[in-house]
């Protein structure tokens, strides 16, 4: 049976990528795509790459009544603090919801005051929501009606770190993450820091005193480790348009070397459809360049045994595995589709 889908907040980069993926998804019909700014205009007037697709569908204003009467599942691609005013109404009428904003990612409501500056009004839904990282929460996603998709920086970091944290191969008290991410992470609207002349050719740290995605990383790693984990995390803006690379600096425990880390990665990800372990080749470490346009996360590592140190890498397309693709992967699981449906295209190259 075809699932009727609405995309709330469809004019941004993530909304556009959702529409692009769903355009050829054989199990889905997109029935609504909302945008206050572009209401009444064709989707291709904003997403020029979608010319020839969605020829009868135009952006519409957000009308919860119309969406609840026409859709089975809703994607929310909106800024922080917006989803909390919408999700309750959608769930009440029995719709499935996939939220790409941070509003339901964290289980501790106090963290919203610390990291996002608002008191969460729907605390009761935080325990009901499922963190939308299939590699860690596939079973819960399958039975969920509210999935909160991870941020792109946190996706890359968690997937790089999860095998060694789960198997306690490292000093869990000292984890540092450096994330480099392309300009599309900042969204469609330009600011002084994201306008192309200001962003091109940069290698610039930002939010170095504490990036909000670290709360997700600590939450998920603490679950795996069965103890409280603290992580130091600094993101860097780089001049690429797409891609995120997490380099995670850790210190290995006695008796652990490359073989033990390789075994942990292979055991955890050997059957995962969208994780590729990179070890050999002319580029033997993960590079976001080779994930662009795809839902893959490339992971890998390097060990400096003389210093008991390891660098763990996670590389993704921030708009796909870090956002829209992961959301569709979650939808496939929730709806009982083949998990890979709509997501099987290989990365583009050159990119």
C-alpha atoms as a PDB file:
ATOM      1  CA  UNK A   1       0.000   0.000   0.000  1.00  0.00           C
ATOM      2  CA  UNK A   2       1.301   3.451  -0.924  1.00  0.00           C
ATOM      3  CA  UNK A   3       2.168   5.670   2.046  1.00  0.00           C
ATOM      4  CA  UNK A   4       1.041   9.285   1.745  1.00  0.00           C
ATOM      5  CA  UNK A   5       3.784  11.640   2.928  1.00  0.00           C
ATOM      6  CA  UNK A   6       3.889  15.326   3.823  1.00  0.00           C
ATOM      7  CA  UNK A   7       7.080  17.371   4.189  1.00  0.00           C
ATOM      8  CA  UNK A   8       6.763  20.330   6.550  1.00  0.00           C
ATOM      9  CA  UNK A   9       9.533  22.811   5.865  1.00  0.00           C
ATOM     10  CA  UNK A  10      10.205  21.665   2.310  1.00  0.00           C
ATOM     11  CA  UNK A  11      12.024  24.657   0.823  1.00  0.00           C
ATOM     12  CA  UNK A  12      15.388  24.257   2.580  1.00  0.00           C
ATOM     13  CA  UNK A  13      18.295  22.067   1.560  1.00  0.00           C
ATOM     14  CA  UNK A  14      17.166  19.132   3.709  1.00  0.00           C
ATOM     15  CA  UNK A  15      13.563  19.468   2.533  1.00  0.00           C
ATOM     16  CA  UNK A  16      14.792  19.516  -1.045  1.00  0.00           C
ATOM     17  CA  UNK A  17      16.814  16.362  -0.551  1.00  0.00           C
ATOM     18  CA  UNK A  18      13.826  14.652   1.035  1.00  0.00           C
ATOM     19  CA  UNK A  19      11.732  15.545  -2.001  1.00  0.00           C
ATOM     20  CA  UNK A  20      14.470  14.358  -4.356  1.00  0.00           C
ATOM     21  CA  UNK A  21      14.745  10.952  -2.676  1.00  0.00           C
ATOM     22  CA  UNK A  22      10.987  10.519  -2.338  1.00  0.00           C
ATOM     23  CA  UNK A  23      10.417  11.457  -5.994  1.00  0.00           C
ATOM     24  CA  UNK A  24      11.484   7.977  -7.090  1.00  0.00           C
ATOM     25  CA  UNK A  25      10.538   6.024  -3.966  1.00  0.00           C
ATOM     26  CA  UNK A  26       8.211   3.309  -5.243  1.00  0.00           C
ATOM     27  CA  UNK A  27       6.200   3.007  -2.009  1.00  0.00           C
ATOM     28  CA  UNK A  28       5.473   6.716  -1.396  1.00  0.00           C
ATOM     29  CA  UNK A  29       3.259   9.513  -2.662  1.00  0.00           C
ATOM     30  CA  UNK A  30       4.160  13.065  -1.571  1.00  0.00           C
ATOM     31  CA  UNK A  31       0.845  14.822  -0.931  1.00  0.00           C
ATOM     32  CA  UNK A  32       2.037  18.090   0.631  1.00  0.00           C
ATOM     33  CA  UNK A  33       5.187  20.208   0.845  1.00  0.00           C
ATOM     34  CA  UNK A  34       4.918  23.309   3.003  1.00  0.00           C
ATOM     35  CA  UNK A  35       6.734  26.637   2.878  1.00  0.00           C
ATOM     36  CA  UNK A  36       5.518  29.981   4.185  1.00  0.00           C
ATOM     37  CA  UNK A  37       7.869  31.909   1.904  1.00  0.00           C
ATOM     38  CA  UNK A  38       7.078  30.054  -1.317  1.00  0.00           C
ATOM     39  CA  UNK A  39       3.457  29.041  -0.790  1.00  0.00           C
ATOM     40  CA  UNK A  40       1.643  28.672  -4.121  1.00  0.00           C
ATOM     41  CA  UNK A  41       4.823  28.303  -6.174  1.00  0.00           C
ATOM     42  CA  UNK A  42       5.942  25.113  -7.933  1.00  0.00           C
ATOM     43  CA  UNK A  43       8.501  23.016  -6.071  1.00  0.00           C
ATOM     44  CA  UNK A  44      10.918  23.418  -8.975  1.00  0.00           C
ATOM     45  CA  UNK A  45      10.910  27.193  -8.571  1.00  0.00           C
ATOM     46  CA  UNK A  46      13.107  26.641  -5.503  1.00  0.00           C
ATOM     47  CA  UNK A  47      14.556  23.173  -6.111  1.00  0.00           C
ATOM     48  CA  UNK A  48      15.658  23.577  -9.710  1.00  0.00           C
ATOM     49  CA  UNK A  49      16.967  20.016  -9.828  1.00  0.00           C
ATOM     50  CA  UNK A  50      13.369  18.772  -9.458  1.00  0.00           C
ATOM     51  CA  UNK A  51      12.196  20.170 -12.806  1.00  0.00           C
ATOM     52  CA  UNK A  52       9.989  17.535 -14.390  1.00  0.00           C
ATOM     53  CA  UNK A  53       9.084  16.003 -11.027  1.00  0.00           C
ATOM     54  CA  UNK A  54       6.073  16.897  -8.870  1.00  0.00           C
ATOM     55  CA  UNK A  55       4.563  18.759 -11.821  1.00  0.00           C
ATOM     56  CA  UNK A  56       1.158  19.102 -10.110  1.00  0.00           C
ATOM     57  CA  UNK A  57       2.392  19.850  -6.593  1.00  0.00           C
ATOM     58  CA  UNK A  58       3.076  23.331  -5.261  1.00  0.00           C
ATOM     59  CA  UNK A  59       4.353  24.598  -1.951  1.00  0.00           C
ATOM     60  CA  UNK A  60       1.519  25.224   0.479  1.00  0.00           C
ATOM     61  CA  UNK A  61       1.031  27.005   3.774  1.00  0.00           C
ATOM     62  CA  UNK A  62       1.125  24.844   6.876  1.00  0.00           C
ATOM     63  CA  UNK A  63      -2.424  23.646   7.473  1.00  0.00           C
ATOM     64  CA  UNK A  64      -2.440  20.930  10.123  1.00  0.00           C
ATOM     65  CA  UNK A  65      -6.050  20.015   9.337  1.00  0.00           C
ATOM     66  CA  UNK A  66      -5.309  19.339   5.673  1.00  0.00           C
ATOM     67  CA  UNK A  67      -2.146  17.414   6.456  1.00  0.00           C
ATOM     68  CA  UNK A  68      -3.809  15.181   9.042  1.00  0.00           C
ATOM     69  CA  UNK A  69      -6.611  14.373   6.601  1.00  0.00           C
ATOM     70  CA  UNK A  70      -4.378  13.627   3.617  1.00  0.00           C
ATOM     71  CA  UNK A  71      -1.117  12.136   4.972  1.00  0.00           C
ATOM     72  CA  UNK A  72      -0.082   8.951   6.759  1.00  0.00           C
ATOM     73  CA  UNK A  73       3.415  10.079   7.699  1.00  0.00           C
ATOM     74  CA  UNK A  74       4.975  13.510   8.149  1.00  0.00           C
ATOM     75  CA  UNK A  75       8.578  14.657   7.896  1.00  0.00           C
ATOM     76  CA  UNK A  76       9.411  17.811   9.846  1.00  0.00           C
ATOM     77  CA  UNK A  77      12.367  19.773   8.495  1.00  0.00           C
ATOM     78  CA  UNK A  78      12.120  22.885  10.647  1.00  0.00           C
ATOM     79  CA  UNK A  79      14.331  24.896  13.033  1.00  0.00           C
ATOM     80  CA  UNK A  80      14.775  24.027  16.703  1.00  0.00           C
ATOM     81  CA  UNK A  81      11.753  24.876  18.814  1.00  0.00           C
ATOM     82  CA  UNK A  82       9.192  24.606  16.006  1.00  0.00           C
ATOM     83  CA  UNK A  83       8.387  20.890  16.034  1.00  0.00           C
ATOM     84  CA  UNK A  84       7.243  20.984  19.658  1.00  0.00           C
ATOM     85  CA  UNK A  85       4.253  23.040  18.532  1.00  0.00           C
ATOM     86  CA  UNK A  86       3.254  20.582  15.812  1.00  0.00           C
ATOM     87  CA  UNK A  87       4.131  17.011  16.757  1.00  0.00           C
ATOM     88  CA  UNK A  88       1.472  16.539  19.437  1.00  0.00           C
ATOM     89  CA  UNK A  89      -1.350  17.331  16.998  1.00  0.00           C
ATOM     90  CA  UNK A  90       0.028  14.912  14.407  1.00  0.00           C
ATOM     91  CA  UNK A  91       0.401  12.047  16.862  1.00  0.00           C
ATOM     92  CA  UNK A  92      -3.093  12.589  18.300  1.00  0.00           C
ATOM     93  CA  UNK A  93      -4.702  11.713  14.966  1.00  0.00           C
ATOM     94  CA  UNK A  94      -2.521   8.656  14.443  1.00  0.00           C
ATOM     95  CA  UNK A  95       0.106   9.908  12.016  1.00  0.00           C
ATOM     96  CA  UNK A  96       3.690   8.693  12.094  1.00  0.00           C
ATOM     97  CA  UNK A  97       6.219  11.504  12.525  1.00  0.00           C
ATOM     98  CA  UNK A  98       9.887  11.761  11.573  1.00  0.00           C
ATOM     99  CA  UNK A  99      11.396  14.920  13.011  1.00  0.00           C
ATOM    100  CA  UNK A 100      14.688  16.141  11.560  1.00  0.00           C
ATOM    101  CA  UNK A 101      14.940  18.978  14.089  1.00  0.00           C
ATOM    102  CA  UNK A 102      16.541  18.504  17.534  1.00  0.00           C
ATOM    103  CA  UNK A 103      13.269  18.913  19.448  1.00  0.00           C
ATOM    104  CA  UNK A 104      12.863  15.255  20.441  1.00  0.00           C
ATOM    105  CA  UNK A 105      16.414  13.852  20.232  1.00  0.00           C
ATOM    106  CA  UNK A 106      17.370  14.279  23.881  1.00  0.00           C
ATOM    107  CA  UNK A 107      15.811  12.287  26.718  1.00  0.00           C
ATOM    108  CA  UNK A 108      16.723  14.697  29.507  1.00  0.00           C
ATOM    109  CA  UNK A 109      14.435  17.760  29.289  1.00  0.00           C
ATOM    110  CA  UNK A 110      16.945  19.894  31.188  1.00  0.00           C
ATOM    111  CA  UNK A 111      19.356  19.584  28.287  1.00  0.00           C
ATOM    112  CA  UNK A 112      16.983  21.634  26.113  1.00  0.00           C
ATOM    113  CA  UNK A 113      17.348  24.555  28.481  1.00  0.00           C
ATOM    114  CA  UNK A 114      21.141  24.148  28.489  1.00  0.00           C
ATOM    115  CA  UNK A 115      21.720  23.658  24.747  1.00  0.00           C
ATOM    116  CA  UNK A 116      18.692  25.111  22.964  1.00  0.00           C
ATOM    117  CA  UNK A 117      17.504  27.811  25.326  1.00  0.00           C
ATOM    118  CA  UNK A 118      13.900  26.685  25.811  1.00  0.00           C
ATOM    119  CA  UNK A 119      11.939  24.711  28.379  1.00  0.00           C
ATOM    120  CA  UNK A 120      10.547  21.635  26.656  1.00  0.00           C
ATOM    121  CA  UNK A 121       6.722  21.748  26.683  1.00  0.00           C
ATOM    122  CA  UNK A 122       6.167  18.075  25.777  1.00  0.00           C
ATOM    123  CA  UNK A 123       8.367  16.207  28.232  1.00  0.00           C
ATOM    124  CA  UNK A 124       6.070  13.186  28.105  1.00  0.00           C
ATOM    125  CA  UNK A 125       6.966  12.650  24.427  1.00  0.00           C
ATOM    126  CA  UNK A 126      10.727  12.554  25.013  1.00  0.00           C
ATOM    127  CA  UNK A 127      10.557   9.008  26.340  1.00  0.00           C
ATOM    128  CA  UNK A 128       8.210   8.030  23.502  1.00  0.00           C
ATOM    129  CA  UNK A 129      10.475   9.299  20.729  1.00  0.00           C
ATOM    130  CA  UNK A 130      13.166   7.048  19.280  1.00  0.00           C
ATOM    131  CA  UNK A 131      16.581   8.350  18.311  1.00  0.00           C
ATOM    132  CA  UNK A 132      16.677   7.759  14.571  1.00  0.00           C
ATOM    133  CA  UNK A 133      20.029   6.062  14.110  1.00  0.00           C
ATOM    134  CA  UNK A 134      19.141   2.657  12.612  1.00  0.00           C
ATOM    135  CA  UNK A 135      22.522   1.116  13.353  1.00  0.00           C
ATOM    136  CA  UNK A 136      21.798   1.519  17.071  1.00  0.00           C
ATOM    137  CA  UNK A 137      18.000   1.596  17.348  1.00  0.00           C
ATOM    138  CA  UNK A 138      16.548  -0.389  14.459  1.00  0.00           C
ATOM    139  CA  UNK A 139      14.191  -2.477  16.591  1.00  0.00           C
ATOM    140  CA  UNK A 140      12.768   0.561  18.400  1.00  0.00           C
ATOM    141  CA  UNK A 141      12.371   2.486  15.128  1.00  0.00           C
ATOM    142  CA  UNK A 142      10.368  -0.378  13.666  1.00  0.00           C
ATOM    143  CA  UNK A 143       7.678   0.056  16.328  1.00  0.00           C
ATOM    144  CA  UNK A 144       7.851   3.841  16.732  1.00  0.00           C
ATOM    145  CA  UNK A 145       5.381   6.538  15.769  1.00  0.00           C
ATOM    146  CA  UNK A 146       7.823   9.375  16.597  1.00  0.00           C
ATOM    147  CA  UNK A 147      11.414   9.238  15.391  1.00  0.00           C
ATOM    148  CA  UNK A 148      13.902  12.027  16.059  1.00  0.00           C
ATOM    149  CA  UNK A 149      16.644  11.956  13.447  1.00  0.00           C
ATOM    150  CA  UNK A 150      20.184  12.765  14.625  1.00  0.00           C
ATOM    151  CA  UNK A 151      22.195  15.807  13.639  1.00  0.00           C
ATOM    152  CA  UNK A 152      24.834  15.389  10.960  1.00  0.00           C
ATOM    153  CA  UNK A 153      27.836  16.030  13.217  1.00  0.00           C
ATOM    154  CA  UNK A 154      26.525  13.624  15.822  1.00  0.00           C
ATOM    155  CA  UNK A 155      25.768  10.939  13.215  1.00  0.00           C
ATOM    156  CA  UNK A 156      29.364  10.935  11.955  1.00  0.00           C
ATOM    157  CA  UNK A 157      30.825  10.987  15.467  1.00  0.00           C
ATOM    158  CA  UNK A 158      28.577   8.326  16.991  1.00  0.00           C
ATOM    159  CA  UNK A 159      29.049   5.875  14.132  1.00  0.00           C
ATOM    160  CA  UNK A 160      32.827   6.286  14.299  1.00  0.00           C
ATOM    161  CA  UNK A 161      32.933   5.757  18.069  1.00  0.00           C
ATOM    162  CA  UNK A 162      30.177   3.220  18.736  1.00  0.00           C
ATOM    163  CA  UNK A 163      32.133  -0.028  18.178  1.00  0.00           C
ATOM    164  CA  UNK A 164      35.038   0.854  20.478  1.00  0.00           C
ATOM    165  CA  UNK A 165      32.793   2.367  23.143  1.00  0.00           C
ATOM    166  CA  UNK A 166      30.423  -0.597  23.144  1.00  0.00           C
ATOM    167  CA  UNK A 167      33.352  -3.004  23.494  1.00  0.00           C
ATOM    168  CA  UNK A 168      35.181  -0.748  25.993  1.00  0.00           C
ATOM    169  CA  UNK A 169      38.408  -0.776  23.989  1.00  0.00           C
ATOM    170  CA  UNK A 170      39.346   2.783  24.916  1.00  0.00           C
ATOM    171  CA  UNK A 171      39.746   5.090  27.888  1.00  0.00           C
ATOM    172  CA  UNK A 172      36.107   6.163  28.200  1.00  0.00           C
ATOM    173  CA  UNK A 173      37.097   9.198  30.218  1.00  0.00           C
ATOM    174  CA  UNK A 174      38.997  10.914  27.414  1.00  0.00           C
ATOM    175  CA  UNK A 175      37.279  11.305  24.026  1.00  0.00           C
ATOM    176  CA  UNK A 176      37.810  14.300  21.749  1.00  0.00           C
ATOM    177  CA  UNK A 177      35.950  14.817  18.468  1.00  0.00           C
ATOM    178  CA  UNK A 178      36.908  17.167  15.638  1.00  0.00           C
ATOM    179  CA  UNK A 179      34.220  17.550  12.967  1.00  0.00           C
ATOM    180  CA  UNK A 180      34.749  19.308   9.647  1.00  0.00           C
ATOM    181  CA  UNK A 181      31.551  20.134   7.777  1.00  0.00           C
ATOM    182  CA  UNK A 182      30.505  21.799   4.520  1.00  0.00           C
ATOM    183  CA  UNK A 183      28.489  24.981   4.148  1.00  0.00           C
ATOM    184  CA  UNK A 184      25.146  23.289   3.435  1.00  0.00           C
ATOM    185  CA  UNK A 185      24.935  22.405   7.136  1.00  0.00           C
ATOM    186  CA  UNK A 186      24.113  26.065   7.792  1.00  0.00           C
ATOM    187  CA  UNK A 187      20.973  25.956   5.639  1.00  0.00           C
ATOM    188  CA  UNK A 188      19.712  27.909   2.646  1.00  0.00           C
ATOM    189  CA  UNK A 189      19.570  31.362   4.244  1.00  0.00           C
ATOM    190  CA  UNK A 190      22.978  33.102   4.097  1.00  0.00           C
ATOM    191  CA  UNK A 191      24.591  34.821   7.075  1.00  0.00           C
ATOM    192  CA  UNK A 192      27.900  36.635   7.379  1.00  0.00           C
ATOM    193  CA  UNK A 193      29.602  33.369   8.216  1.00  0.00           C
ATOM    194  CA  UNK A 194      27.850  31.244   5.587  1.00  0.00           C
ATOM    195  CA  UNK A 195      27.627  33.637   2.612  1.00  0.00           C
ATOM    196  CA  UNK A 196      29.850  32.119  -0.079  1.00  0.00           C
ATOM    197  CA  UNK A 197      32.537  34.857  -0.250  1.00  0.00           C
ATOM    198  CA  UNK A 198      32.957  34.536   3.520  1.00  0.00           C
ATOM    199  CA  UNK A 199      32.776  30.742   3.605  1.00  0.00           C
ATOM    200  CA  UNK A 200      34.859  29.719   0.568  1.00  0.00           C
ATOM    201  CA  UNK A 201      38.358  28.439   1.362  1.00  0.00           C
ATOM    202  CA  UNK A 202      37.857  28.635   5.126  1.00  0.00           C
ATOM    203  CA  UNK A 203      38.972  26.183   7.819  1.00  0.00           C
ATOM    204  CA  UNK A 204      37.255  27.838  10.765  1.00  0.00           C
ATOM    205  CA  UNK A 205      36.313  26.427  14.184  1.00  0.00           C
ATOM    206  CA  UNK A 206      32.936  27.467  15.557  1.00  0.00           C
ATOM    207  CA  UNK A 207      31.063  26.850  18.812  1.00  0.00           C
ATOM    208  CA  UNK A 208      34.399  25.652  20.195  1.00  0.00           C
ATOM    209  CA  UNK A 209      33.194  26.280  23.742  1.00  0.00           C
ATOM    210  CA  UNK A 210      30.450  23.681  23.326  1.00  0.00           C
ATOM    211  CA  UNK A 211      28.511  22.483  20.281  1.00  0.00           C
ATOM    212  CA  UNK A 212      24.916  21.404  20.873  1.00  0.00           C
ATOM    213  CA  UNK A 213      25.292  18.141  18.971  1.00  0.00           C
ATOM    214  CA  UNK A 214      27.634  16.899  21.710  1.00  0.00           C
ATOM    215  CA  UNK A 215      24.577  16.289  23.910  1.00  0.00           C
ATOM    216  CA  UNK A 216      23.359  13.624  21.459  1.00  0.00           C
ATOM    217  CA  UNK A 217      26.797  12.049  21.210  1.00  0.00           C
ATOM    218  CA  UNK A 218      27.117  11.789  24.981  1.00  0.00           C
ATOM    219  CA  UNK A 219      23.579  10.427  25.332  1.00  0.00           C
ATOM    220  CA  UNK A 220      24.069   7.626  22.818  1.00  0.00           C
ATOM    221  CA  UNK A 221      27.598   6.685  23.873  1.00  0.00           C
ATOM    222  CA  UNK A 222      26.516   6.587  27.525  1.00  0.00           C
ATOM    223  CA  UNK A 223      23.823   4.054  26.607  1.00  0.00           C
ATOM    224  CA  UNK A 224      26.389   1.892  24.823  1.00  0.00           C
ATOM    225  CA  UNK A 225      28.965   2.149  27.594  1.00  0.00           C
ATOM    226  CA  UNK A 226      26.403   1.724  30.382  1.00  0.00           C
ATOM    227  CA  UNK A 227      27.999   4.673  32.182  1.00  0.00           C
ATOM    228  CA  UNK A 228      28.164   8.428  31.853  1.00  0.00           C
ATOM    229  CA  UNK A 229      30.356   9.532  28.949  1.00  0.00           C
ATOM    230  CA  UNK A 230      31.652  13.063  28.427  1.00  0.00           C
ATOM    231  CA  UNK A 231      32.970  14.153  25.041  1.00  0.00           C
ATOM    232  CA  UNK A 232      34.943  17.200  23.929  1.00  0.00           C
ATOM    233  CA  UNK A 233      33.706  18.248  20.486  1.00  0.00           C
ATOM    234  CA  UNK A 234      34.737  21.103  18.200  1.00  0.00           C
ATOM    235  CA  UNK A 235      33.222  21.551  14.717  1.00  0.00           C
ATOM    236  CA  UNK A 236      35.040  23.323  11.904  1.00  0.00           C
ATOM    237  CA  UNK A 237      33.499  25.060   8.907  1.00  0.00           C
ATOM    238  CA  UNK A 238      35.332  24.172   5.700  1.00  0.00           C
ATOM    239  CA  UNK A 239      34.928  25.426   2.165  1.00  0.00           C
ATOM    240  CA  UNK A 240      33.155  22.384   0.697  1.00  0.00           C
ATOM    241  CA  UNK A 241      29.423  22.510   0.021  1.00  0.00           C
ATOM    242  CA  UNK A 242      28.591  19.043   1.324  1.00  0.00           C
ATOM    243  CA  UNK A 243      30.130  16.474   3.598  1.00  0.00           C
ATOM    244  CA  UNK A 244      31.008  15.967   7.252  1.00  0.00           C
ATOM    245  CA  UNK A 245      34.107  14.231   8.598  1.00  0.00           C
ATOM    246  CA  UNK A 246      34.398  13.329  12.278  1.00  0.00           C
ATOM    247  CA  UNK A 247      37.897  12.578  13.550  1.00  0.00           C
ATOM    248  CA  UNK A 248      37.660  11.097  17.016  1.00  0.00           C
ATOM    249  CA  UNK A 249      40.810  11.067  19.147  1.00  0.00           C
ATOM    250  CA  UNK A 250      40.860   8.282  21.743  1.00  0.00           C
ATOM    251  CA  UNK A 251      43.365   6.416  23.909  1.00  0.00           C
ATOM    252  CA  UNK A 252      43.305   2.634  23.731  1.00  0.00           C
ATOM    253  CA  UNK A 253      43.546   0.348  26.744  1.00  0.00           C
ATOM    254  CA  UNK A 254      46.306  -2.226  27.289  1.00  0.00           C
ATOM    255  CA  UNK A 255      46.138  -5.175  24.953  1.00  0.00           C
ATOM    256  CA  UNK A 256      44.164  -3.340  22.255  1.00  0.00           C
ATOM    257  CA  UNK A 257      45.584  -2.775  18.789  1.00  0.00           C
ATOM    258  CA  UNK A 258      44.415  -2.566  15.188  1.00  0.00           C
ATOM    259  CA  UNK A 259      43.111  -6.145  15.132  1.00  0.00           C
ATOM    260  CA  UNK A 260      40.823  -5.638  18.119  1.00  0.00           C
ATOM    261  CA  UNK A 261      39.411  -2.390  16.723  1.00  0.00           C
ATOM    262  CA  UNK A 262      38.910  -3.934  13.288  1.00  0.00           C
ATOM    263  CA  UNK A 263      37.064  -6.847  14.874  1.00  0.00           C
ATOM    264  CA  UNK A 264      34.766  -4.485  16.768  1.00  0.00           C
ATOM    265  CA  UNK A 265      33.921  -2.560  13.591  1.00  0.00           C
ATOM    266  CA  UNK A 266      33.339  -5.750  11.612  1.00  0.00           C
ATOM    267  CA  UNK A 267      31.086  -7.275  14.276  1.00  0.00           C
ATOM    268  CA  UNK A 268      28.968  -4.147  14.617  1.00  0.00           C
ATOM    269  CA  UNK A 269      28.769  -3.045  10.982  1.00  0.00           C
ATOM    270  CA  UNK A 270      29.450  -6.133   8.890  1.00  0.00           C
ATOM    271  CA  UNK A 271      25.781  -6.523   7.932  1.00  0.00           C
ATOM    272  CA  UNK A 272      24.787  -2.848   7.935  1.00  0.00           C
ATOM    273  CA  UNK A 273      23.528  -1.786   4.485  1.00  0.00           C
ATOM    274  CA  UNK A 274      24.816   1.795   4.710  1.00  0.00           C
ATOM    275  CA  UNK A 275      28.108   1.448   6.598  1.00  0.00           C
ATOM    276  CA  UNK A 276      31.323   0.893   4.654  1.00  0.00           C
ATOM    277  CA  UNK A 277      34.546   0.118   6.530  1.00  0.00           C
ATOM    278  CA  UNK A 278      37.486   1.767   4.761  1.00  0.00           C
ATOM    279  CA  UNK A 279      40.938   0.260   5.294  1.00  0.00           C
ATOM    280  CA  UNK A 280      42.755   0.009   1.961  1.00  0.00           C
ATOM    281  CA  UNK A 281      43.102   1.691  -1.410  1.00  0.00           C
ATOM    282  CA  UNK A 282      44.704   4.894  -2.663  1.00  0.00           C
ATOM    283  CA  UNK A 283      42.682   6.772  -0.017  1.00  0.00           C
ATOM    284  CA  UNK A 284      42.760   4.425   2.964  1.00  0.00           C
ATOM    285  CA  UNK A 285      40.818   6.598   5.409  1.00  0.00           C
ATOM    286  CA  UNK A 286      37.203   7.787   5.102  1.00  0.00           C
ATOM    287  CA  UNK A 287      36.662  10.941   3.047  1.00  0.00           C
ATOM    288  CA  UNK A 288      33.235  12.606   2.657  1.00  0.00           C
ATOM    289  CA  UNK A 289      34.037  13.208  -1.024  1.00  0.00           C
ATOM    290  CA  UNK A 290      33.262   9.557  -1.716  1.00  0.00           C
ATOM    291  CA  UNK A 291      29.898   9.584   0.066  1.00  0.00           C
ATOM    292  CA  UNK A 292      28.358  12.624  -1.655  1.00  0.00           C
ATOM    293  CA  UNK A 293      24.798  12.047  -2.844  1.00  0.00           C
ATOM    294  CA  UNK A 294      24.466   8.781  -0.920  1.00  0.00           C
ATOM    295  CA  UNK A 295      23.216   7.437   2.387  1.00  0.00           C
ATOM    296  CA  UNK A 296      26.521   5.773   3.200  1.00  0.00           C
ATOM    297  CA  UNK A 297      28.681   6.414   6.231  1.00  0.00           C
ATOM    298  CA  UNK A 298      32.304   5.434   5.704  1.00  0.00           C
ATOM    299  CA  UNK A 299      34.136   4.513   8.902  1.00  0.00           C
ATOM    300  CA  UNK A 300      37.754   3.673   9.559  1.00  0.00           C
ATOM    301  CA  UNK A 301      40.597   4.131  11.990  1.00  0.00           C
ATOM    302  CA  UNK A 302      44.337   4.520  12.513  1.00  0.00           C
ATOM    303  CA  UNK A 303      46.237   3.253  15.535  1.00  0.00           C
ATOM    304  CA  UNK A 304      49.516   4.642  16.893  1.00  0.00           C
ATOM    305  CA  UNK A 305      50.382   1.792  19.234  1.00  0.00           C
ATOM    306  CA  UNK A 306      53.568   3.385  20.608  1.00  0.00           C
ATOM    307  CA  UNK A 307      51.437   6.155  22.115  1.00  0.00           C
ATOM    308  CA  UNK A 308      48.375   4.004  22.848  1.00  0.00           C
ATOM    309  CA  UNK A 309      46.354   6.381  20.664  1.00  0.00           C
ATOM    310  CA  UNK A 310      43.785   5.836  17.920  1.00  0.00           C
ATOM    311  CA  UNK A 311      42.015   8.133  15.488  1.00  0.00           C
ATOM    312  CA  UNK A 312      38.536   6.971  14.473  1.00  0.00           C
ATOM    313  CA  UNK A 313      36.839   8.412  11.392  1.00  0.00           C
ATOM    314  CA  UNK A 314      33.251   8.813  10.233  1.00  0.00           C
ATOM    315  CA  UNK A 315      32.502  10.412   6.848  1.00  0.00           C
ATOM    316  CA  UNK A 316      29.041  11.236   5.509  1.00  0.00           C
ATOM    317  CA  UNK A 317      27.111  13.493   3.176  1.00  0.00           C
ATOM    318  CA  UNK A 318      25.641  15.791   5.812  1.00  0.00           C
ATOM    319  CA  UNK A 319      22.412  16.271   3.826  1.00  0.00           C
ATOM    320  CA  UNK A 320      21.824  12.556   3.191  1.00  0.00           C
ATOM    321  CA  UNK A 321      23.065  10.176   5.903  1.00  0.00           C
ATOM    322  CA  UNK A 322      23.229  13.255   8.131  1.00  0.00           C
ATOM    323  CA  UNK A 323      19.630  14.279   7.410  1.00  0.00           C
ATOM    324  CA  UNK A 324      17.235  13.373   4.558  1.00  0.00           C
ATOM    325  CA  UNK A 325      18.576   9.929   3.654  1.00  0.00           C
ATOM    326  CA  UNK A 326      18.657   8.768   7.240  1.00  0.00           C
ATOM    327  CA  UNK A 327      15.088  10.039   7.662  1.00  0.00           C
ATOM    328  CA  UNK A 328      13.957   7.980   4.661  1.00  0.00           C
ATOM    329  CA  UNK A 329      15.864   4.974   6.005  1.00  0.00           C
ATOM    330  CA  UNK A 330      13.893   5.354   9.243  1.00  0.00           C
ATOM    331  CA  UNK A 331      10.632   5.695   7.295  1.00  0.00           C
ATOM    332  CA  UNK A 332      11.372   2.459   5.441  1.00  0.00           C
ATOM    333  CA  UNK A 333      11.899   0.649   8.736  1.00  0.00           C
ATOM    334  CA  UNK A 334       8.765   2.158  10.339  1.00  0.00           C
ATOM    335  CA  UNK A 335       6.588   1.240   7.364  1.00  0.00           C
ATOM    336  CA  UNK A 336       7.940  -2.264   6.858  1.00  0.00           C
ATOM    337  CA  UNK A 337       9.602  -1.507   3.511  1.00  0.00           C
ATOM    338  CA  UNK A 338      12.969  -2.819   2.425  1.00  0.00           C
ATOM    339  CA  UNK A 339      15.322  -0.555   4.378  1.00  0.00           C
ATOM    340  CA  UNK A 340      17.278   0.362   1.248  1.00  0.00           C
ATOM    341  CA  UNK A 341      14.289   1.466  -0.851  1.00  0.00           C
ATOM    342  CA  UNK A 342      14.968   4.799  -2.522  1.00  0.00           C
ATOM    343  CA  UNK A 343      18.505   4.909  -1.135  1.00  0.00           C
ATOM    344  CA  UNK A 344      20.467   2.458  -3.226  1.00  0.00           C
ATOM    345  CA  UNK A 345      22.149   4.943  -5.562  1.00  0.00           C
ATOM    346  CA  UNK A 346      25.937   4.927  -5.203  1.00  0.00           C
ATOM    347  CA  UNK A 347      27.755   8.172  -4.401  1.00  0.00           C
ATOM    348  CA  UNK A 348      28.515  10.519  -7.291  1.00  0.00           C
ATOM    349  CA  UNK A 349      32.096  10.997  -8.468  1.00  0.00           C
ATOM    350  CA  UNK A 350      33.809  13.302  -9.046  1.00  0.00           C
ATOM    351  CA  UNK A 351      32.136  15.570  -6.526  1.00  0.00           C
END
